[in-house]
């Protein structure tokens, strides 16, 4: 590489750095969002605001009541399933007890000794 190629590459590098810096710092910051003046906006809106708040409270109560009903139904369904499982377990236990009672108990003389081999 001779001197002219080195200087050309160096010039391109420096120009690229300057272009990047100008593009980076040349941007204007975004404008802040427009906020309406809450005092002026709220002066004439108070009766409507109260009405909306009362409606919101009423609707929220309706939603809460609906969720309570759904929760009660789910709990009743779960309790019914648990009762069914307990009933099935009790029936299975009674069946096991009846099966044991049907078997005649052996006397120690009737039992065969177990041998290990």
PDB file of N, CA and C in Angstrom:
ATOM      1  N   UNK A   1       0.842  -1.173   0.000  1.00  0.00           N
ATOM      2  CA  UNK A   1       0.000   0.000   0.000  1.00  0.00           C
ATOM      3  C   UNK A   1       0.888   1.238   0.000  1.00  0.00           C
ATOM      4  N   UNK A   2       0.534   2.141  -0.830  1.00  0.00           N
ATOM      5  CA  UNK A   2       1.303   3.381  -0.870  1.00  0.00           C
ATOM      6  C   UNK A   2       0.591   4.452  -0.048  1.00  0.00           C
ATOM      7  N   UNK A   3       1.218   5.626   0.006  1.00  0.00           N
ATOM      8  CA  UNK A   3       0.727   6.716   0.853  1.00  0.00           C
ATOM      9  C   UNK A   3      -0.661   7.185   0.449  1.00  0.00           C
ATOM     10  N   UNK A   4      -0.945   7.230  -0.809  1.00  0.00           N
ATOM     11  CA  UNK A   4      -2.227   7.765  -1.265  1.00  0.00           C
ATOM     12  C   UNK A   4      -3.389   6.857  -0.845  1.00  0.00           C
ATOM     13  N   UNK A   5      -3.209   5.544  -0.893  1.00  0.00           N
ATOM     14  CA  UNK A   5      -4.264   4.633  -0.457  1.00  0.00           C
ATOM     15  C   UNK A   5      -4.504   4.760   1.047  1.00  0.00           C
ATOM     16  N   UNK A   6      -3.451   4.888   1.809  1.00  0.00           N
ATOM     17  CA  UNK A   6      -3.579   5.025   3.259  1.00  0.00           C
ATOM     18  C   UNK A   6      -4.324   6.301   3.591  1.00  0.00           C
ATOM     19  N   UNK A   7      -3.937   7.402   2.937  1.00  0.00           N
ATOM     20  CA  UNK A   7      -4.619   8.683   3.196  1.00  0.00           C
ATOM     21  C   UNK A   7      -6.079   8.640   2.754  1.00  0.00           C
ATOM     22  N   UNK A   8      -6.368   7.961   1.656  1.00  0.00           N
ATOM     23  CA  UNK A   8      -7.748   7.855   1.178  1.00  0.00           C
ATOM     24  C   UNK A   8      -8.599   7.065   2.176  1.00  0.00           C
ATOM     25  N   UNK A   9      -8.085   5.929   2.619  1.00  0.00           N
ATOM     26  CA  UNK A   9      -8.817   5.110   3.597  1.00  0.00           C
ATOM     27  C   UNK A   9      -8.997   5.855   4.919  1.00  0.00           C
ATOM     28  N   UNK A  10      -7.980   6.573   5.348  1.00  0.00           N
ATOM     29  CA  UNK A  10      -8.067   7.350   6.573  1.00  0.00           C
ATOM     30  C   UNK A  10      -9.089   8.466   6.436  1.00  0.00           C
ATOM     31  N   UNK A  11      -9.134   9.122   5.270  1.00  0.00           N
ATOM     32  CA  UNK A  11     -10.113  10.176   5.016  1.00  0.00           C
ATOM     33  C   UNK A  11     -11.536   9.630   5.027  1.00  0.00           C
ATOM     34  N   UNK A  12     -11.715   8.457   4.424  1.00  0.00           N
ATOM     35  CA  UNK A  12     -13.053   7.834   4.425  1.00  0.00           C
ATOM     36  C   UNK A  12     -13.473   7.490   5.852  1.00  0.00           C
ATOM     37  N   UNK A  13     -12.538   6.981   6.642  1.00  0.00           N
ATOM     38  CA  UNK A  13     -12.834   6.623   8.029  1.00  0.00           C
ATOM     39  C   UNK A  13     -13.223   7.858   8.838  1.00  0.00           C
ATOM     40  N   UNK A  14     -12.433   8.938   8.711  1.00  0.00           N
ATOM     41  CA  UNK A  14     -12.719  10.165   9.457  1.00  0.00           C
ATOM     42  C   UNK A  14     -14.049  10.759   9.000  1.00  0.00           C
ATOM     43  N   UNK A  15     -14.319  10.754   7.693  1.00  0.00           N
ATOM     44  CA  UNK A  15     -15.579  11.285   7.173  1.00  0.00           C
ATOM     45  C   UNK A  15     -16.763  10.466   7.696  1.00  0.00           C
ATOM     46  N   UNK A  16     -16.596   9.175   7.765  1.00  0.00           N
ATOM     47  CA  UNK A  16     -17.667   8.314   8.303  1.00  0.00           C
ATOM     48  C   UNK A  16     -17.941   8.605   9.763  1.00  0.00           C
ATOM     49  N   UNK A  17     -16.880   8.817  10.536  1.00  0.00           N
ATOM     50  CA  UNK A  17     -17.052   9.132  11.959  1.00  0.00           C
ATOM     51  C   UNK A  17     -17.770  10.464  12.113  1.00  0.00           C
ATOM     52  N   UNK A  18     -17.350  11.479  11.346  1.00  0.00           N
ATOM     53  CA  UNK A  18     -18.012  12.787  11.422  1.00  0.00           C
ATOM     54  C   UNK A  18     -19.479  12.690  10.996  1.00  0.00           C
ATOM     55  N   UNK A  19     -19.767  11.945   9.961  1.00  0.00           N
ATOM     56  CA  UNK A  19     -21.151  11.807   9.494  1.00  0.00           C
ATOM     57  C   UNK A  19     -22.009  11.132  10.564  1.00  0.00           C
ATOM     58  N   UNK A  20     -21.437  10.134  11.217  1.00  0.00           N
ATOM     59  CA  UNK A  20     -22.167   9.455  12.289  1.00  0.00           C
ATOM     60  C   UNK A  20     -22.431  10.366  13.469  1.00  0.00           C
ATOM     61  N   UNK A  21     -21.427  11.159  13.850  1.00  0.00           N
ATOM     62  CA  UNK A  21     -21.604  12.083  14.977  1.00  0.00           C
ATOM     63  C   UNK A  21     -22.636  13.159  14.659  1.00  0.00           C
ATOM     64  N   UNK A  22     -22.601  13.677  13.435  1.00  0.00           N
ATOM     65  CA  UNK A  22     -23.571  14.697  13.041  1.00  0.00           C
ATOM     66  C   UNK A  22     -24.978  14.115  13.026  1.00  0.00           C
ATOM     67  N   UNK A  23     -25.119  12.891  12.523  1.00  0.00           N
ATOM     68  CA  UNK A  23     -26.446  12.265  12.482  1.00  0.00           C
ATOM     69  C   UNK A  23     -26.946  11.971  13.902  1.00  0.00           C
ATOM     70  N   UNK A  24     -26.033  11.565  14.791  1.00  0.00           N
ATOM     71  CA  UNK A  24     -26.435  11.228  16.156  1.00  0.00           C
ATOM     72  C   UNK A  24     -26.828  12.468  16.944  1.00  0.00           C
ATOM     73  N   UNK A  25     -25.990  13.488  16.930  1.00  0.00           N
ATOM     74  CA  UNK A  25     -26.261  14.690  17.721  1.00  0.00           C
ATOM     75  C   UNK A  25     -27.164  15.677  17.003  1.00  0.00           C
ATOM     76  N   UNK A  26     -27.409  15.488  15.735  1.00  0.00           N
ATOM     77  CA  UNK A  26     -28.242  16.404  14.980  1.00  0.00           C
ATOM     78  C   UNK A  26     -29.733  16.150  15.186  1.00  0.00           C
ATOM     79  N   UNK A  27     -30.095  15.035  15.776  1.00  0.00           N
ATOM     80  CA  UNK A  27     -31.505  14.732  16.003  1.00  0.00           C
ATOM     81  C   UNK A  27     -32.059  15.615  17.100  1.00  0.00           C
ATOM     82  N   UNK A  28     -33.265  16.098  16.888  1.00  0.00           N
ATOM     83  CA  UNK A  28     -33.935  16.877  17.929  1.00  0.00           C
ATOM     84  C   UNK A  28     -34.639  15.902  18.872  1.00  0.00           C
ATOM     85  N   UNK A  29     -34.641  16.215  20.150  1.00  0.00           N
ATOM     86  CA  UNK A  29     -35.363  15.319  21.059  1.00  0.00           C
ATOM     87  C   UNK A  29     -36.859  15.369  20.742  1.00  0.00           C
ATOM     88  N   UNK A  30     -37.571  14.286  20.989  1.00  0.00           N
ATOM     89  CA  UNK A  30     -38.998  14.286  20.679  1.00  0.00           C
ATOM     90  C   UNK A  30     -39.734  15.314  21.539  1.00  0.00           C
ATOM     91  N   UNK A  31     -40.756  15.880  20.963  1.00  0.00           N
ATOM     92  CA  UNK A  31     -41.539  16.878  21.683  1.00  0.00           C
ATOM     93  C   UNK A  31     -42.289  16.200  22.827  1.00  0.00           C
ATOM     94  N   UNK A  32     -42.360  16.857  23.969  1.00  0.00           N
ATOM     95  CA  UNK A  32     -43.097  16.243  25.076  1.00  0.00           C
ATOM     96  C   UNK A  32     -44.577  16.129  24.712  1.00  0.00           C
ATOM     97  N   UNK A  33     -45.241  15.085  25.216  1.00  0.00           N
ATOM     98  CA  UNK A  33     -46.647  14.921  24.871  1.00  0.00           C
ATOM     99  C   UNK A  33     -47.485  16.071  25.419  1.00  0.00           C
ATOM    100  N   UNK A  34     -48.532  16.378  24.704  1.00  0.00           N
ATOM    101  CA  UNK A  34     -49.394  17.487  25.088  1.00  0.00           C
ATOM    102  C   UNK A  34     -50.287  17.054  26.241  1.00  0.00           C
ATOM    103  N   UNK A  35     -50.191  17.755  27.344  1.00  0.00           N
ATOM    104  CA  UNK A  35     -51.030  17.477  28.506  1.00  0.00           C
ATOM    105  C   UNK A  35     -52.065  18.576  28.636  1.00  0.00           C
ATOM    106  N   UNK A  36     -53.334  18.203  28.615  1.00  0.00           N
ATOM    107  CA  UNK A  36     -54.343  19.245  28.820  1.00  0.00           C
ATOM    108  C   UNK A  36     -54.289  19.752  30.256  1.00  0.00           C
ATOM    109  N   UNK A  37     -54.655  20.958  30.431  1.00  0.00           N
ATOM    110  CA  UNK A  37     -54.656  21.550  31.758  1.00  0.00           C
ATOM    111  C   UNK A  37     -55.820  20.945  32.549  1.00  0.00           C
ATOM    112  N   UNK A  38     -55.502  20.173  33.565  1.00  0.00           N
ATOM    113  CA  UNK A  38     -56.544  19.435  34.285  1.00  0.00           C
ATOM    114  C   UNK A  38     -57.484  20.360  35.046  1.00  0.00           C
ATOM    115  N   UNK A  39     -56.999  21.489  35.473  1.00  0.00           N
ATOM    116  CA  UNK A  39     -57.869  22.409  36.223  1.00  0.00           C
ATOM    117  C   UNK A  39     -58.944  22.972  35.311  1.00  0.00           C
ATOM    118  N   UNK A  40     -58.545  23.422  34.129  1.00  0.00           N
ATOM    119  CA  UNK A  40     -59.506  23.996  33.198  1.00  0.00           C
ATOM    120  C   UNK A  40     -60.446  22.908  32.678  1.00  0.00           C
ATOM    121  N   UNK A  41     -59.934  21.716  32.402  1.00  0.00           N
ATOM    122  CA  UNK A  41     -60.767  20.650  31.852  1.00  0.00           C
ATOM    123  C   UNK A  41     -61.751  20.137  32.891  1.00  0.00           C
ATOM    124  N   UNK A  42     -61.414  20.214  34.171  1.00  0.00           N
ATOM    125  CA  UNK A  42     -62.277  19.656  35.204  1.00  0.00           C
ATOM    126  C   UNK A  42     -63.327  20.602  35.721  1.00  0.00           C
ATOM    127  N   UNK A  43     -63.308  21.859  35.322  1.00  0.00           N
ATOM    128  CA  UNK A  43     -64.254  22.829  35.871  1.00  0.00           C
ATOM    129  C   UNK A  43     -65.681  22.502  35.452  1.00  0.00           C
ATOM    130  N   UNK A  44     -65.915  22.299  34.180  1.00  0.00           N
ATOM    131  CA  UNK A  44     -67.269  22.074  33.714  1.00  0.00           C
ATOM    132  C   UNK A  44     -67.662  20.615  33.670  1.00  0.00           C
ATOM    133  N   UNK A  45     -66.782  19.690  34.033  1.00  0.00           N
ATOM    134  CA  UNK A  45     -67.044  18.268  33.866  1.00  0.00           C
ATOM    135  C   UNK A  45     -67.435  17.570  35.169  1.00  0.00           C
ATOM    136  N   UNK A  46     -67.540  18.243  36.272  1.00  0.00           N
ATOM    137  CA  UNK A  46     -67.773  17.582  37.549  1.00  0.00           C
ATOM    138  C   UNK A  46     -69.084  16.807  37.603  1.00  0.00           C
ATOM    139  N   UNK A  47     -70.239  17.336  37.188  1.00  0.00           N
ATOM    140  CA  UNK A  47     -71.463  16.517  37.249  1.00  0.00           C
ATOM    141  C   UNK A  47     -71.358  15.265  36.377  1.00  0.00           C
ATOM    142  N   UNK A  48     -70.785  15.383  35.203  1.00  0.00           N
ATOM    143  CA  UNK A  48     -70.604  14.218  34.346  1.00  0.00           C
ATOM    144  C   UNK A  48     -69.623  13.232  34.937  1.00  0.00           C
ATOM    145  N   UNK A  49     -68.609  13.750  35.589  1.00  0.00           N
ATOM    146  CA  UNK A  49     -67.605  12.899  36.208  1.00  0.00           C
ATOM    147  C   UNK A  49     -68.238  12.089  37.338  1.00  0.00           C
ATOM    148  N   UNK A  50     -69.073  12.707  38.150  1.00  0.00           N
ATOM    149  CA  UNK A  50     -69.747  11.983  39.232  1.00  0.00           C
ATOM    150  C   UNK A  50     -70.654  10.899  38.679  1.00  0.00           C
ATOM    151  N   UNK A  51     -71.381  11.227  37.638  1.00  0.00           N
ATOM    152  CA  UNK A  51     -72.273  10.251  37.029  1.00  0.00           C
ATOM    153  C   UNK A  51     -71.483   9.058  36.492  1.00  0.00           C
ATOM    154  N   UNK A  52     -70.368   9.358  35.827  1.00  0.00           N
ATOM    155  CA  UNK A  52     -69.542   8.277  35.298  1.00  0.00           C
ATOM    156  C   UNK A  52     -68.952   7.439  36.424  1.00  0.00           C
ATOM    157  N   UNK A  53     -68.530   8.077  37.488  1.00  0.00           N
ATOM    158  CA  UNK A  53     -67.970   7.329  38.618  1.00  0.00           C
ATOM    159  C   UNK A  53     -69.036   6.443  39.259  1.00  0.00           C
ATOM    160  N   UNK A  54     -70.254   6.959  39.404  1.00  0.00           N
ATOM    161  CA  UNK A  54     -71.329   6.144  39.977  1.00  0.00           C
ATOM    162  C   UNK A  54     -71.658   4.955  39.079  1.00  0.00           C
ATOM    163  N   UNK A  55     -71.665   5.182  37.767  1.00  0.00           N
ATOM    164  CA  UNK A  55     -71.902   4.083  36.840  1.00  0.00           C
ATOM    165  C   UNK A  55     -70.774   3.062  36.900  1.00  0.00           C
ATOM    166  N   UNK A  56     -69.534   3.553  37.006  1.00  0.00           N
ATOM    167  CA  UNK A  56     -68.388   2.648  37.098  1.00  0.00           C
ATOM    168  C   UNK A  56     -68.477   1.805  38.365  1.00  0.00           C
ATOM    169  N   UNK A  57     -68.841   2.422  39.473  1.00  0.00           N
ATOM    170  CA  UNK A  57     -68.962   1.682  40.729  1.00  0.00           C
ATOM    171  C   UNK A  57     -70.062   0.635  40.622  1.00  0.00           C
ATOM    172  N   UNK A  58     -71.193   0.999  40.031  1.00  0.00           N
ATOM    173  CA  UNK A  58     -72.300   0.047  39.885  1.00  0.00           C
ATOM    174  C   UNK A  58     -71.891  -1.136  39.005  1.00  0.00           C
ATOM    175  N   UNK A  59     -71.222  -0.865  37.901  1.00  0.00           N
ATOM    176  CA  UNK A  59     -70.800  -1.947  37.004  1.00  0.00           C
ATOM    177  C   UNK A  59     -69.747  -2.825  37.671  1.00  0.00           C
ATOM    178  N   UNK A  60     -68.857  -2.221  38.425  1.00  0.00           N
ATOM    179  CA  UNK A  60     -67.828  -2.993  39.129  1.00  0.00           C
ATOM    180  C   UNK A  60     -68.460  -3.903  40.164  1.00  0.00           C
ATOM    181  N   UNK A  61     -69.487  -3.405  40.855  1.00  0.00           N
ATOM    182  CA  UNK A  61     -70.197  -4.248  41.826  1.00  0.00           C
ATOM    183  C   UNK A  61     -70.888  -5.415  41.129  1.00  0.00           C
ATOM    184  N   UNK A  62     -71.475  -5.156  39.957  1.00  0.00           N
ATOM    185  CA  UNK A  62     -72.121  -6.235  39.220  1.00  0.00           C
ATOM    186  C   UNK A  62     -71.097  -7.296  38.815  1.00  0.00           C
ATOM    187  N   UNK A  63     -69.918  -6.837  38.377  1.00  0.00           N
ATOM    188  CA  UNK A  63     -68.859  -7.788  38.000  1.00  0.00           C
ATOM    189  C   UNK A  63     -68.413  -8.596  39.213  1.00  0.00           C
ATOM    190  N   UNK A  64     -68.268  -7.932  40.356  1.00  0.00           N
ATOM    191  CA  UNK A  64     -67.843  -8.638  41.567  1.00  0.00           C
ATOM    192  C   UNK A  64     -68.894  -9.654  41.994  1.00  0.00           C
ATOM    193  N   UNK A  65     -70.178  -9.291  41.887  1.00  0.00           N
ATOM    194  CA  UNK A  65     -71.239 -10.236  42.244  1.00  0.00           C
ATOM    195  C   UNK A  65     -71.232 -11.440  41.298  1.00  0.00           C
ATOM    196  N   UNK A  66     -71.029 -11.187  40.013  1.00  0.00           N
ATOM    197  CA  UNK A  66     -70.980 -12.283  39.044  1.00  0.00           C
ATOM    198  C   UNK A  66     -69.815 -13.216  39.335  1.00  0.00           C
ATOM    199  N   UNK A  67     -68.675 -12.634  39.663  1.00  0.00           N
ATOM    200  CA  UNK A  67     -67.506 -13.471  39.986  1.00  0.00           C
ATOM    201  C   UNK A  67     -67.737 -14.271  41.265  1.00  0.00           C
ATOM    202  N   UNK A  68     -68.444 -13.684  42.221  1.00  0.00           N
ATOM    203  CA  UNK A  68     -68.748 -14.410  43.454  1.00  0.00           C
ATOM    204  C   UNK A  68     -69.664 -15.600  43.166  1.00  0.00           C
ATOM    205  N   UNK A  69     -70.640 -15.407  42.289  1.00  0.00           N
ATOM    206  CA  UNK A  69     -71.544 -16.512  41.934  1.00  0.00           C
ATOM    207  C   UNK A  69     -70.759 -17.622  41.231  1.00  0.00           C
ATOM    208  N   UNK A  70     -69.885 -17.231  40.304  1.00  0.00           N
ATOM    209  CA  UNK A  70     -69.073 -18.237  39.609  1.00  0.00           C
ATOM    210  C   UNK A  70     -68.164 -18.987  40.569  1.00  0.00           C
ATOM    211  N   UNK A  71     -67.593 -18.275  41.522  1.00  0.00           N
ATOM    212  CA  UNK A  71     -66.719 -18.929  42.505  1.00  0.00           C
ATOM    213  C   UNK A  71     -67.516 -19.896  43.371  1.00  0.00           C
ATOM    214  N   UNK A  72     -68.741 -19.521  43.752  1.00  0.00           N
ATOM    215  CA  UNK A  72     -69.577 -20.409  44.552  1.00  0.00           C
ATOM    216  C   UNK A  72     -69.933 -21.665  43.768  1.00  0.00           C
ATOM    217  N   UNK A  73     -70.254 -21.498  42.492  1.00  0.00           N
ATOM    218  CA  UNK A  73     -70.574 -22.667  41.665  1.00  0.00           C
ATOM    219  C   UNK A  73     -69.373 -23.600  41.551  1.00  0.00           C
ATOM    220  N   UNK A  74     -68.209 -23.018  41.341  1.00  0.00           N
ATOM    221  CA  UNK A  74     -67.009 -23.843  41.210  1.00  0.00           C
ATOM    222  C   UNK A  74     -66.709 -24.569  42.511  1.00  0.00           C
ATOM    223  N   UNK A  75     -66.882 -23.878  43.633  1.00  0.00           N
ATOM    224  CA  UNK A  75     -66.633 -24.503  44.922  1.00  0.00           C
ATOM    225  C   UNK A  75     -67.644 -25.620  45.168  1.00  0.00           C
ATOM    226  N   UNK A  76     -68.920 -25.407  44.814  1.00  0.00           N
ATOM    227  CA  UNK A  76     -69.933 -26.445  44.998  1.00  0.00           C
ATOM    228  C   UNK A  76     -69.615 -27.652  44.118  1.00  0.00           C
ATOM    229  N   UNK A  77     -69.161 -27.399  42.901  1.00  0.00           N
ATOM    230  CA  UNK A  77     -68.802 -28.496  42.006  1.00  0.00           C
ATOM    231  C   UNK A  77     -67.619 -29.283  42.574  1.00  0.00           C
ATOM    232  N   UNK A  78     -66.641 -28.568  43.096  1.00  0.00           N
ATOM    233  CA  UNK A  78     -65.472 -29.234  43.674  1.00  0.00           C
ATOM    234  C   UNK A  78     -65.865 -30.053  44.891  1.00  0.00           C
ATOM    235  N   UNK A  79     -66.740 -29.501  45.742  1.00  0.00           N
ATOM    236  CA  UNK A  79     -67.187 -30.239  46.920  1.00  0.00           C
ATOM    237  C   UNK A  79     -67.973 -31.484  46.516  1.00  0.00           C
ATOM    238  N   UNK A  80     -68.790 -31.388  45.465  1.00  0.00           N
ATOM    239  CA  UNK A  80     -69.548 -32.549  44.999  1.00  0.00           C
ATOM    240  C   UNK A  80     -68.595 -33.641  44.502  1.00  0.00           C
ATOM    241  N   UNK A  81     -67.547 -33.241  43.786  1.00  0.00           N
ATOM    242  CA  UNK A  81     -66.573 -34.221  43.301  1.00  0.00           C
ATOM    243  C   UNK A  81     -65.836 -34.876  44.467  1.00  0.00           C
ATOM    244  N   UNK A  82     -65.482 -34.083  45.473  1.00  0.00           N
ATOM    245  CA  UNK A  82     -64.801 -34.648  46.639  1.00  0.00           C
ATOM    246  C   UNK A  82     -65.715 -35.605  47.393  1.00  0.00           C
ATOM    247  N   UNK A  83     -66.992 -35.270  47.520  1.00  0.00           N
ATOM    248  CA  UNK A  83     -67.934 -36.175  48.175  1.00  0.00           C
ATOM    249  C   UNK A  83     -68.047 -37.487  47.421  1.00  0.00           C
ATOM    250  N   UNK A  84     -68.067 -37.407  46.094  1.00  0.00           N
ATOM    251  CA  UNK A  84     -68.138 -38.613  45.279  1.00  0.00           C
ATOM    252  C   UNK A  84     -66.899 -39.482  45.473  1.00  0.00           C
ATOM    253  N   UNK A  85     -65.734 -38.853  45.507  1.00  0.00           N
ATOM    254  CA  UNK A  85     -64.489 -39.606  45.717  1.00  0.00           C
ATOM    255  C   UNK A  85     -64.490 -40.255  47.093  1.00  0.00           C
ATOM    256  N   UNK A  86     -64.931 -39.518  48.120  1.00  0.00           N
ATOM    257  CA  UNK A  86     -64.983 -40.092  49.468  1.00  0.00           C
ATOM    258  C   UNK A  86     -65.971 -41.256  49.536  1.00  0.00           C
ATOM    259  N   UNK A  87     -67.094 -41.132  48.850  1.00  0.00           N
ATOM    260  CA  UNK A  87     -68.068 -42.212  48.829  1.00  0.00           C
ATOM    261  C   UNK A  87     -67.491 -43.459  48.157  1.00  0.00           C
ATOM    262  N   UNK A  88     -66.795 -43.256  47.041  1.00  0.00           N
ATOM    263  CA  UNK A  88     -66.172 -44.383  46.350  1.00  0.00           C
ATOM    264  C   UNK A  88     -65.107 -45.046  47.220  1.00  0.00           C
ATOM    265  N   UNK A  89     -64.329 -44.241  47.938  1.00  0.00           N
ATOM    266  CA  UNK A  89     -63.318 -44.815  48.835  1.00  0.00           C
ATOM    267  C   UNK A  89     -63.962 -45.607  49.959  1.00  0.00           C
ATOM    268  N   UNK A  90     -65.063 -45.083  50.509  1.00  0.00           N
ATOM    269  CA  UNK A  90     -65.756 -45.791  51.579  1.00  0.00           C
ATOM    270  C   UNK A  90     -66.317 -47.118  51.063  1.00  0.00           C
ATOM    271  N   UNK A  91     -66.893 -47.114  49.847  1.00  0.00           N
ATOM    272  CA  UNK A  91     -67.410 -48.352  49.274  1.00  0.00           C
ATOM    273  C   UNK A  91     -66.290 -49.356  49.024  1.00  0.00           C
ATOM    274  N   UNK A  92     -65.144 -48.870  48.545  1.00  0.00           N
ATOM    275  CA  UNK A  92     -64.008 -49.763  48.299  1.00  0.00           C
ATOM    276  C   UNK A  92     -63.500 -50.354  49.605  1.00  0.00           C
ATOM    277  N   UNK A  93     -63.480 -49.544  50.659  1.00  0.00           N
ATOM    278  CA  UNK A  93     -63.028 -50.041  51.960  1.00  0.00           C
ATOM    279  C   UNK A  93     -64.004 -51.074  52.509  1.00  0.00           C
ATOM    280  N   UNK A  94     -65.308 -50.838  52.339  1.00  0.00           N
ATOM    281  CA  UNK A  94     -66.301 -51.813  52.787  1.00  0.00           C
ATOM    282  C   UNK A  94     -66.164 -53.116  52.008  1.00  0.00           C
ATOM    283  N   UNK A  95     -65.885 -52.990  50.715  1.00  0.00           N
ATOM    284  CA  UNK A  95     -65.685 -54.195  49.899  1.00  0.00           C
ATOM    285  C   UNK A  95     -64.480 -54.980  50.370  1.00  0.00           C
ATOM    286  N   UNK A  96     -63.411 -54.294  50.732  1.00  0.00           N
ATOM    287  CA  UNK A  96     -62.224 -54.982  51.244  1.00  0.00           C
ATOM    288  C   UNK A  96     -62.524 -55.678  52.565  1.00  0.00           C
ATOM    289  N   UNK A  97     -63.275 -55.009  53.441  1.00  0.00           N
ATOM    290  CA  UNK A  97     -63.614 -55.612  54.725  1.00  0.00           C
ATOM    291  C   UNK A  97     -64.505 -56.835  54.539  1.00  0.00           C
ATOM    292  N   UNK A  98     -65.459 -56.767  53.604  1.00  0.00           N
ATOM    293  CA  UNK A  98     -66.325 -57.917  53.343  1.00  0.00           C
ATOM    294  C   UNK A  98     -65.528 -59.076  52.771  1.00  0.00           C
ATOM    295  N   UNK A  99     -64.575 -58.777  51.896  1.00  0.00           N
ATOM    296  CA  UNK A  99     -63.751 -59.836  51.316  1.00  0.00           C
ATOM    297  C   UNK A  99     -62.903 -60.506  52.383  1.00  0.00           C
ATOM    298  N   UNK A 100     -62.405 -59.735  53.325  1.00  0.00           N
ATOM    299  CA  UNK A 100     -61.610 -60.320  54.411  1.00  0.00           C
ATOM    300  C   UNK A 100     -62.487 -61.154  55.336  1.00  0.00           C
ATOM    301  N   UNK A 101     -63.736 -60.699  55.540  1.00  0.00           N
ATOM    302  CA  UNK A 101     -64.639 -61.440  56.430  1.00  0.00           C
ATOM    303  C   UNK A 101     -65.075 -62.749  55.796  1.00  0.00           C
ATOM    304  N   UNK A 102     -65.180 -62.809  54.479  1.00  0.00           N
ATOM    305  CA  UNK A 102     -65.586 -64.044  53.795  1.00  0.00           C
ATOM    306  C   UNK A 102     -64.521 -65.112  53.902  1.00  0.00           C
ATOM    307  N   UNK A 103     -63.298 -64.673  53.893  1.00  0.00           N
ATOM    308  CA  UNK A 103     -62.217 -65.660  54.008  1.00  0.00           C
ATOM    309  C   UNK A 103     -62.233 -66.250  55.406  1.00  0.00           C
ATOM    310  N   UNK A 104     -62.168 -67.559  55.462  1.00  0.00           N
ATOM    311  CA  UNK A 104     -62.157 -68.227  56.774  1.00  0.00           C
ATOM    312  C   UNK A 104     -60.781 -68.058  57.399  1.00  0.00           C
ATOM    313  N   UNK A 105     -60.776 -67.676  58.647  1.00  0.00           N
ATOM    314  CA  UNK A 105     -59.456 -67.545  59.280  1.00  0.00           C
ATOM    315  C   UNK A 105     -58.828 -68.918  59.473  1.00  0.00           C
ATOM    316  N   UNK A 106     -57.581 -69.006  59.199  1.00  0.00           N
ATOM    317  CA  UNK A 106     -56.860 -70.269  59.341  1.00  0.00           C
ATOM    318  C   UNK A 106     -56.311 -70.387  60.756  1.00  0.00           C
ATOM    319  N   UNK A 107     -56.303 -71.588  61.180  1.00  0.00           N
ATOM    320  CA  UNK A 107     -55.683 -71.832  62.479  1.00  0.00           C
ATOM    321  C   UNK A 107     -54.184 -71.972  62.264  1.00  0.00           C
ATOM    322  N   UNK A 108     -53.409 -71.775  63.272  1.00  0.00           N
ATOM    323  CA  UNK A 108     -51.951 -71.876  63.095  1.00  0.00           C
ATOM    324  C   UNK A 108     -51.510 -73.248  62.611  1.00  0.00           C
ATOM    325  N   UNK A 109     -52.291 -74.316  62.886  1.00  0.00           N
ATOM    326  CA  UNK A 109     -51.885 -75.645  62.437  1.00  0.00           C
ATOM    327  C   UNK A 109     -52.121 -75.815  60.948  1.00  0.00           C
ATOM    328  N   UNK A 110     -53.100 -75.092  60.381  1.00  0.00           N
ATOM    329  CA  UNK A 110     -53.391 -75.235  58.967  1.00  0.00           C
ATOM    330  C   UNK A 110     -52.401 -74.463  58.096  1.00  0.00           C
ATOM    331  N   UNK A 111     -51.765 -73.503  58.665  1.00  0.00           N
ATOM    332  CA  UNK A 111     -50.830 -72.703  57.891  1.00  0.00           C
ATOM    333  C   UNK A 111     -49.592 -73.517  57.547  1.00  0.00           C
ATOM    334  N   UNK A 112     -49.125 -73.346  56.360  1.00  0.00           N
ATOM    335  CA  UNK A 112     -47.927 -74.052  55.931  1.00  0.00           C
ATOM    336  C   UNK A 112     -46.730 -73.165  56.236  1.00  0.00           C
ATOM    337  N   UNK A 113     -45.710 -73.711  56.767  1.00  0.00           N
ATOM    338  CA  UNK A 113     -44.519 -72.888  57.017  1.00  0.00           C
ATOM    339  C   UNK A 113     -43.851 -72.517  55.701  1.00  0.00           C
ATOM    340  N   UNK A 114     -43.409 -71.324  55.644  1.00  0.00           N
ATOM    341  CA  UNK A 114     -42.728 -70.867  54.421  1.00  0.00           C
ATOM    342  C   UNK A 114     -41.255 -71.231  54.518  1.00  0.00           C
ATOM    343  N   UNK A 115     -40.797 -71.742  53.431  1.00  0.00           N
ATOM    344  CA  UNK A 115     -39.371 -72.080  53.401  1.00  0.00           C
ATOM    345  C   UNK A 115     -38.695 -71.139  52.430  1.00  0.00           C
ATOM    346  N   UNK A 116     -37.486 -70.838  52.708  1.00  0.00           N
ATOM    347  CA  UNK A 116     -36.752 -69.857  51.912  1.00  0.00           C
ATOM    348  C   UNK A 116     -36.239 -70.401  50.609  1.00  0.00           C
ATOM    349  N   UNK A 117     -36.388 -71.599  50.232  1.00  0.00           N
ATOM    350  CA  UNK A 117     -35.789 -72.021  49.002  1.00  0.00           C
ATOM    351  C   UNK A 117     -36.441 -73.082  48.323  1.00  0.00           C
TER     352      UNK A 117
END
